[in-house]
Amino acid sequence: MTSIGILLVVVGLLMEFGGKFLPLGHLPGDIHITSEHGSFYFPIVTCVVERTAEFLRPLTANFSL
């Protein structure tokens, strides 16, 4: 049960401070348009990377060394 708590703490710290180390959300290929009236940001490449990671996670869950 303590491993779940440690995992939650690590995930929370990554969510809080991970932007400094992991450039997710600002990858090359993400669409960012700025004009005098406002800005528009669509992280299309970030969405593809995250979706791929979600797809591969169950496939690697049973893999052991």
Foldseek 3Di string as FASTA:
>chain_A
DVVVVVVVVVVVCCVVPVVVPDVQPDDPPWDWAQDPVGIDTGGPVSVVVVVVCVVCVVVCPPDDD
